[in-house]
Amino acid sequence: MKINFHSLSSFFVVFLLLSQQVKAQQMPPASVNVEKAQMKLLAPVAWVSGSVVSRNNSQIAAEVNGRLVDLAELGELVEQGQVIAKIDDTRLKIQRREASANVENAISRLSYLESEVNRKSALAKRNLSAKTDLDETVSDRDVAKGDLAAARARLAQVEQQLADSQVKAPFSGIVAQRLSSQGEMVNSGTPIIRLVETANLEASVYAPLTAYQFLTRSQTLNVESALGKATVPIKTLVPIADSRSHLMEVRLDMSSINWPVGLSIKAGVASGEQREVLAVPRDALVLRREGTSIFKVNEQSLAEQIQVELGIGAGAWIQVIGKVEAGDKIIIRGAERLRSGQPVLIKPDNRNLISGAATD
């Protein structure tokens, strides 16, 4: 008698599958959340890296020479126009007194020469004074006018230097770094404070030039970071790249999100045309060694495992290719420990889900 081992092995496989299905049906119902498979317009998305930046991130420099006598504290929040550093102005005050005295001297000399011109003009009309003497006095008066203008300009210059000895914040922000220390001698142009504006934040990301045509049609981008996810407006496109990277800068408006400057982010940039595809939420995917699958709830309220291939992904949705149709109830929570054929109990509220146990 010959034994057909091939038929015998097939019998055992069928028997094993039936046994697993019976065992799964005997298990208590698992609590799950579902979402219907849908036909959606999706475009392939490439995730590009970037970071949160400030529109104004400036090194504020001293404008006069002197000793630094006061400096804003690190991390201090300052308003536009607030004094953030002071430079010793003792020498400048002395120079102001000297310049003021020079102005007074120039005014006095000009006044004297004006009166001399008037007096000699009267004498010259009566031929009691030489015309050359009058001309010389007029010349001295004109020189005195120039001296007065120069003295006043020098006084204004000292006044400006006195005002500059108090360094004021050009915009509201946070003191991110003290580049000089109190007591140091600084020169004009020496950086003393790095001030970062926190009110008008942006994100700088670098996208392939090939995405330019899709970015020009978009108004927002999805972004992700360690602090969460958000959708933000595109602020500026800079369609210029070097020959090595072939990447262009994209600026995003982050003013509505409270993320710190310097935070690393990722942004989803479309890399192809939109297509209508059958899609399910990414949370529905079950990744195992034998491949990617999803569970759908059939008409008998049993979990049915379906092997799928993945296609276009955009945001929370991804294309699936397999024995799935639009409208199928796809399990998005509670599939981690499910077995095919296991009874399920659909719960409407995702937040109350406890995988593998019935909830009220």
Protein backbone atom coordinates (compact mmCIF):
# COMPACT_ATOMS: atom_id res chain seq x y z
CA MET A 1 0.00 0.00 0.00
CA LYS A 2 1.43 3.38 -1.06
CA ILE A 3 0.99 6.42 1.13
CA ASN A 4 0.59 9.81 -0.58
CA PHE A 5 2.69 11.99 1.71
CA HIS A 6 1.82 15.14 -0.25
CA SER A 7 -1.92 14.67 0.33
CA LEU A 8 -1.28 13.78 3.96
CA SER A 9 0.75 16.96 4.58
CA SER A 10 -1.95 19.08 2.89
CA PHE A 11 -4.53 17.49 5.17
CA PHE A 12 -2.51 18.39 8.24
CA VAL A 13 -2.10 22.03 7.09
CA VAL A 14 -5.85 22.39 6.54
CA PHE A 15 -6.51 20.72 9.88
CA LEU A 16 -4.08 23.07 11.62
CA LEU A 17 -5.67 26.18 10.06
CA LEU A 18 -9.16 25.03 11.03
CA SER A 19 -7.97 24.32 14.56
CA GLN A 20 -6.48 27.83 14.85
CA GLN A 21 -9.70 29.42 13.58
CA VAL A 22 -11.81 27.43 16.06
CA LYS A 23 -9.41 28.35 18.86
CA ALA A 24 -9.56 32.05 17.84
CA GLN A 25 -13.36 32.00 17.79
CA GLN A 26 -13.40 30.52 21.29
CA MET A 27 -11.33 33.47 22.63
CA PRO A 28 -13.16 36.39 24.28
CA PRO A 29 -13.96 39.37 22.01
CA ALA A 30 -11.13 41.87 21.69
CA SER A 31 -11.92 45.59 21.95
CA VAL A 32 -10.94 47.42 18.79
CA ASN A 33 -11.38 50.72 17.01
CA VAL A 34 -12.05 50.78 13.30
CA GLU A 35 -11.84 53.18 10.38
CA LYS A 36 -13.28 52.55 6.94
CA ALA A 37 -10.95 52.08 4.00
CA GLN A 38 -11.38 55.04 1.66
CA MET A 39 -10.54 56.17 -1.85
CA LYS A 40 -8.28 59.19 -1.39
CA LEU A 41 -6.22 61.54 -3.49
CA LEU A 42 -2.67 60.96 -2.29
CA ALA A 43 0.71 62.11 -3.52
CA PRO A 44 4.06 60.49 -2.69
CA VAL A 45 5.77 62.41 0.09
CA ALA A 46 9.46 62.74 0.94
CA TRP A 47 10.35 63.72 4.49
CA VAL A 48 13.10 66.33 4.57
CA SER A 49 14.98 67.61 7.58
CA GLY A 50 15.28 71.12 8.93
CA SER A 51 15.16 73.14 12.12
CA VAL A 52 13.27 75.96 13.81
CA VAL A 53 15.00 79.31 13.32
CA SER A 54 14.42 82.92 14.29
CA ARG A 55 14.00 85.72 11.77
CA ASN A 56 16.36 87.84 13.91
CA ASN A 57 19.31 86.13 15.55
CA SER A 58 21.82 88.93 15.97
CA GLN A 59 25.13 89.61 17.64
CA ILE A 60 24.70 93.06 19.16
CA ALA A 61 27.98 95.00 19.15
CA ALA A 62 29.30 97.98 21.11
CA GLU A 63 29.32 101.27 19.20
CA VAL A 64 31.81 103.14 21.43
CA ASN A 65 35.04 102.25 23.18
CA GLY A 66 35.06 101.82 26.95
CA ARG A 67 34.65 99.54 29.91
CA LEU A 68 31.52 97.38 30.06
CA VAL A 69 29.79 98.27 33.35
CA ASP A 70 26.44 96.49 32.98
CA LEU A 71 25.09 93.59 30.91
CA ALA A 72 21.72 91.86 30.60
CA GLU A 73 21.47 88.42 32.18
CA LEU A 74 21.64 85.24 30.13
CA GLY A 75 18.12 84.08 29.23
CA GLU A 76 16.56 87.45 30.08
CA LEU A 77 13.52 88.42 28.02
CA VAL A 78 13.95 91.99 26.80
CA GLU A 79 11.68 94.40 24.94
CA GLN A 80 12.60 96.46 21.90
CA GLY A 81 14.39 99.66 23.03
CA GLN A 82 15.32 98.26 26.44
CA VAL A 83 18.90 98.88 27.60
CA ILE A 84 20.79 95.58 27.50
CA ALA A 85 24.33 96.84 28.13
CA LYS A 86 26.05 99.97 29.49
CA ILE A 87 29.55 101.23 28.75
CA ASP A 88 31.35 103.60 31.12
CA ASP A 89 30.54 107.13 29.90
CA THR A 90 32.80 109.14 32.25
CA ARG A 91 35.28 110.03 29.49
CA LEU A 92 32.48 110.93 27.10
CA LYS A 93 30.89 113.29 29.63
CA ILE A 94 34.20 115.10 29.96
CA GLN A 95 34.42 115.37 26.19
CA ARG A 96 30.88 116.74 26.11
CA ARG A 97 31.81 119.53 28.56
CA GLU A 98 34.84 120.35 26.42
CA ALA A 99 32.76 120.36 23.23
CA SER A 100 30.10 122.55 24.89
CA ALA A 101 32.81 125.04 25.92
CA ASN A 102 34.16 125.12 22.37
CA VAL A 103 30.68 125.88 21.07
CA GLU A 104 30.33 128.75 23.54
CA ASN A 105 33.74 130.13 22.51
CA ALA A 106 32.80 129.89 18.84
CA ILE A 107 29.49 131.69 19.48
CA SER A 108 31.27 134.44 21.41
CA ARG A 109 33.92 134.98 18.72
CA LEU A 110 31.30 135.00 15.96
CA SER A 111 29.24 137.54 17.86
CA TYR A 112 32.29 139.77 18.25
CA LEU A 113 33.20 139.53 14.56
CA GLU A 114 29.60 140.24 13.51
CA SER A 115 29.68 143.47 15.48
CA GLU A 116 33.11 144.34 14.02
CA VAL A 117 31.79 143.82 10.50
CA ASN A 118 28.85 146.12 11.22
CA ARG A 119 31.10 148.78 12.76
CA LYS A 120 33.69 148.72 9.97
CA SER A 121 30.98 148.71 7.33
CA ALA A 122 29.62 151.96 8.78
CA LEU A 123 33.11 153.49 8.89
CA ALA A 124 33.86 152.40 5.34
CA LYS A 125 30.72 154.12 4.10
CA ARG A 126 32.06 157.39 5.53
CA ASN A 127 35.53 156.64 4.18
CA LEU A 128 36.86 156.46 7.75
CA SER A 129 38.17 152.89 7.40
CA ALA A 130 40.07 151.07 4.70
CA LYS A 131 38.07 148.62 2.61
CA THR A 132 40.79 145.98 2.98
CA ASP A 133 40.35 146.14 6.76
CA LEU A 134 36.61 145.47 6.33
CA ASP A 135 37.28 142.61 3.94
CA GLU A 136 39.66 141.00 6.42
CA THR A 137 37.08 141.24 9.21
CA VAL A 138 34.38 139.76 6.97
CA SER A 139 36.71 136.85 6.18
CA ASP A 140 37.39 136.27 9.88
CA ARG A 141 33.63 136.31 10.54
CA ASP A 142 33.01 133.68 7.86
CA VAL A 143 35.77 131.51 9.30
CA ALA A 144 34.16 131.91 12.73
CA LYS A 145 30.85 130.67 11.30
CA GLY A 146 32.62 127.55 10.06
CA ASP A 147 34.32 127.09 13.44
CA LEU A 148 30.94 127.31 15.18
CA ALA A 149 29.42 124.72 12.81
CA ALA A 150 32.39 122.41 13.43
CA ALA A 151 32.12 122.86 17.21
CA ARG A 152 28.42 122.08 17.14
CA ALA A 153 29.04 118.99 14.99
CA ARG A 154 31.67 117.81 17.45
CA LEU A 155 29.22 118.33 20.34
CA ALA A 156 26.52 116.38 18.46
CA GLN A 157 29.02 113.59 17.83
CA VAL A 158 29.84 113.35 21.55
CA GLU A 159 26.13 113.42 22.42
CA GLN A 160 25.56 110.52 20.00
CA GLN A 161 28.42 108.57 21.53
CA LEU A 162 26.93 109.15 24.97
CA ALA A 163 23.61 107.77 23.74
CA ASP A 164 25.41 104.80 22.16
CA SER A 165 27.11 104.00 25.47
CA GLN A 166 23.73 102.54 26.46
CA VAL A 167 23.19 99.62 24.10
CA LYS A 168 19.48 99.09 23.38
CA ALA A 169 17.71 96.02 22.05
CA PRO A 170 16.83 96.50 18.33
CA PHE A 171 13.96 94.00 18.74
CA SER A 172 12.22 92.04 21.46
CA GLY A 173 13.79 88.70 22.26
CA ILE A 174 15.86 86.55 24.61
CA VAL A 175 19.49 87.05 25.55
CA ALA A 176 20.92 83.81 24.16
CA GLN A 177 24.59 84.46 24.83
CA ARG A 178 26.83 86.96 26.61
CA LEU A 179 29.76 87.43 24.23
CA SER A 180 31.60 89.82 26.57
CA SER A 181 31.78 90.05 30.35
CA GLN A 182 31.12 92.91 32.71
CA GLY A 183 34.31 94.86 33.41
CA GLU A 184 35.96 94.10 30.06
CA MET A 185 37.27 96.84 27.79
CA VAL A 186 35.39 96.75 24.50
CA ASN A 187 35.90 98.59 21.24
CA SER A 188 33.41 99.81 18.70
CA GLY A 189 32.23 96.76 16.79
CA THR A 190 32.99 94.24 19.55
CA PRO A 191 30.07 91.76 19.88
CA ILE A 192 28.73 91.80 23.44
CA ILE A 193 25.33 90.03 23.33
CA ARG A 194 23.56 87.56 21.05
CA LEU A 195 19.86 88.41 20.97
CA VAL A 196 17.32 85.99 19.48
CA GLU A 197 13.79 87.02 18.54
CA THR A 198 11.18 84.50 19.66
CA ALA A 199 7.99 86.17 18.40
CA ASN A 200 8.42 85.49 14.66
CA LEU A 201 9.70 81.94 14.39
CA GLU A 202 10.27 80.13 11.13
CA ALA A 203 11.44 76.70 10.07
CA SER A 204 14.17 76.23 7.52
CA VAL A 205 13.97 72.96 5.57
CA TYR A 206 15.81 71.84 2.46
CA ALA A 207 13.86 70.10 -0.28
CA PRO A 208 14.96 68.64 -3.64
CA LEU A 209 14.67 70.98 -6.59
CA THR A 210 12.47 68.36 -8.25
CA ALA A 211 9.79 69.17 -5.65
CA TYR A 212 9.60 72.81 -6.77
CA GLN A 213 6.55 72.31 -9.02
CA PHE A 214 4.63 70.66 -6.19
CA LEU A 215 5.67 73.19 -3.54
CA THR A 216 4.42 76.09 -5.67
CA ARG A 217 0.95 74.51 -5.62
CA SER A 218 0.98 73.90 -1.86
CA GLN A 219 0.06 76.35 0.86
CA THR A 220 0.96 74.24 3.90
CA LEU A 221 3.25 71.38 4.89
CA ASN A 222 2.98 68.74 7.60
CA VAL A 223 5.83 68.92 10.11
CA GLU A 224 6.95 66.58 12.88
CA SER A 225 9.36 66.92 15.78
CA ALA A 226 10.05 65.41 19.17
CA LEU A 227 7.42 67.82 20.53
CA GLY A 228 4.58 66.75 18.25
CA LYS A 229 3.03 67.22 14.84
CA ALA A 230 1.51 70.24 13.11
CA THR A 231 0.50 71.72 9.78
CA VAL A 232 2.12 75.09 9.03
CA PRO A 233 1.96 77.61 6.15
CA ILE A 234 4.73 77.88 3.57
CA LYS A 235 6.25 81.35 3.91
CA THR A 236 9.00 81.53 1.29
CA LEU A 237 10.52 79.37 -1.43
CA VAL A 238 14.15 79.95 -2.42
CA PRO A 239 14.47 77.97 -5.69
CA ILE A 240 18.27 78.11 -5.78
CA ALA A 241 20.60 75.20 -5.08
CA ASP A 242 24.29 74.42 -5.45
CA SER A 243 25.60 71.80 -7.87
CA ARG A 244 26.36 69.32 -5.09
CA SER A 245 23.27 69.16 -2.91
CA HIS A 246 20.55 70.08 -5.45
CA LEU A 247 18.49 71.21 -2.46
CA MET A 248 16.53 74.45 -2.15
CA GLU A 249 15.50 76.20 1.05
CA VAL A 250 11.87 76.36 2.11
CA ARG A 251 10.84 78.70 4.94
CA LEU A 252 7.76 77.81 7.00
CA ASP A 253 5.79 80.10 9.30
CA MET A 254 6.08 78.65 12.82
CA SER A 255 4.69 81.66 14.73
CA SER A 256 1.56 79.72 15.76
CA ILE A 257 3.57 76.85 17.33
CA ASN A 258 5.46 77.09 20.60
CA TRP A 259 8.59 75.18 19.55
CA PRO A 260 12.05 76.40 20.62
CA VAL A 261 14.67 77.79 18.25
CA GLY A 262 17.09 75.11 17.07
CA LEU A 263 14.61 72.20 17.36
CA SER A 264 15.15 69.59 14.63
CA ILE A 265 12.06 68.91 12.54
CA LYS A 266 10.94 66.93 9.49
CA ALA A 267 8.59 68.24 6.82
CA GLY A 268 6.57 66.20 4.33
CA VAL A 269 7.18 67.45 0.79
CA ALA A 270 5.22 66.07 -2.16
CA SER A 271 7.51 64.31 -4.65
CA GLY A 272 4.94 63.29 -7.28
CA GLU A 273 1.49 63.91 -8.71
CA GLN A 274 -1.68 63.09 -6.76
CA ARG A 275 -3.47 59.84 -7.54
CA GLU A 276 -6.75 58.35 -6.33
CA VAL A 277 -5.92 55.21 -4.39
CA LEU A 278 -7.46 52.93 -1.79
CA ALA A 279 -6.01 54.02 1.54
CA VAL A 280 -6.17 53.08 5.20
CA PRO A 281 -4.79 54.82 8.29
CA ARG A 282 -1.15 54.00 9.01
CA ASP A 283 -2.21 52.81 12.48
CA ALA A 284 -3.91 49.84 10.81
CA LEU A 285 -0.64 48.32 9.60
CA VAL A 286 0.58 45.20 11.39
CA LEU A 287 4.28 44.65 10.76
CA ARG A 288 5.46 41.09 11.33
CA ARG A 289 8.22 38.87 10.04
CA GLU A 290 5.97 37.26 7.47
CA GLY A 291 5.08 40.64 6.00
CA THR A 292 2.71 43.59 6.34
CA SER A 293 -0.96 42.96 6.95
CA ILE A 294 -4.13 44.60 8.18
CA PHE A 295 -7.19 43.27 10.00
CA LYS A 296 -10.71 43.99 8.82
CA VAL A 297 -13.97 43.19 10.60
CA ASN A 298 -16.21 40.94 8.54
CA GLU A 299 -20.00 40.62 8.69
CA GLN A 300 -19.76 38.04 11.51
CA SER A 301 -17.76 40.54 13.68
CA LEU A 302 -14.67 38.41 13.27
CA ALA A 303 -11.16 39.75 12.62
CA GLU A 304 -9.90 38.80 9.18
CA GLN A 305 -6.19 39.20 8.51
CA ILE A 306 -5.24 40.37 5.02
CA GLN A 307 -1.73 40.53 3.58
CA VAL A 308 -1.18 43.82 1.74
CA GLU A 309 1.44 45.67 -0.24
CA LEU A 310 2.06 49.33 0.51
CA GLY A 311 1.98 52.17 -1.98
CA ILE A 312 1.80 55.94 -1.69
CA GLY A 313 1.84 57.35 1.82
CA ALA A 314 0.81 60.87 2.80
CA GLY A 315 0.29 62.00 6.36
CA ALA A 316 -1.80 59.57 8.40
CA TRP A 317 -3.00 57.59 5.33
CA ILE A 318 -1.26 55.06 3.14
CA GLN A 319 -2.21 53.15 0.01
CA VAL A 320 -2.76 49.39 0.39
CA ILE A 321 -2.94 46.79 -2.35
CA GLY A 322 -4.71 43.55 -1.51
CA LYS A 323 -8.12 42.02 -0.88
CA VAL A 324 -9.55 45.27 0.52
CA GLU A 325 -12.39 47.42 -0.75
CA ALA A 326 -13.55 50.93 0.02
CA GLY A 327 -15.91 50.85 2.99
CA ASP A 328 -14.30 47.84 4.69
CA LYS A 329 -14.01 48.27 8.45
CA ILE A 330 -10.28 48.30 9.13
CA ILE A 331 -9.00 47.83 12.68
CA ILE A 332 -6.73 50.70 13.70
CA ARG A 333 -6.46 50.01 17.44
CA GLY A 334 -6.25 46.64 19.16
CA ALA A 335 -4.78 44.59 16.30
CA GLU A 336 -1.45 43.93 18.00
CA ARG A 337 -2.46 40.57 19.53
CA LEU A 338 -5.34 39.63 17.28
CA ARG A 339 -5.62 36.32 15.51
CA SER A 340 -7.48 35.79 12.29
CA GLY A 341 -11.03 34.67 13.04
CA GLN A 342 -11.08 36.08 16.57
CA PRO A 343 -14.33 37.84 17.63
CA VAL A 344 -14.02 41.58 18.10
CA LEU A 345 -16.03 44.25 19.85
CA ILE A 346 -15.96 47.63 18.10
CA LYS A 347 -15.56 50.60 20.44
CA PRO A 348 -16.28 54.14 19.17
CA ASP A 349 -13.87 55.98 21.46
CA ASN A 350 -10.18 55.37 20.74
CA ARG A 351 -9.09 56.87 24.05
CA ASN A 352 -10.91 54.22 26.08
CA LEU A 353 -9.36 51.31 24.22
CA ILE A 354 -7.47 48.65 26.16
CA SER A 355 -6.07 46.19 23.63
CA GLY A 356 -7.20 42.62 24.11
CA ALA A 357 -9.74 43.35 26.88
CA ALA A 358 -13.37 44.40 26.80
CA THR A 359 -14.11 47.93 27.99
CA ASP A 360 -17.30 49.68 28.87
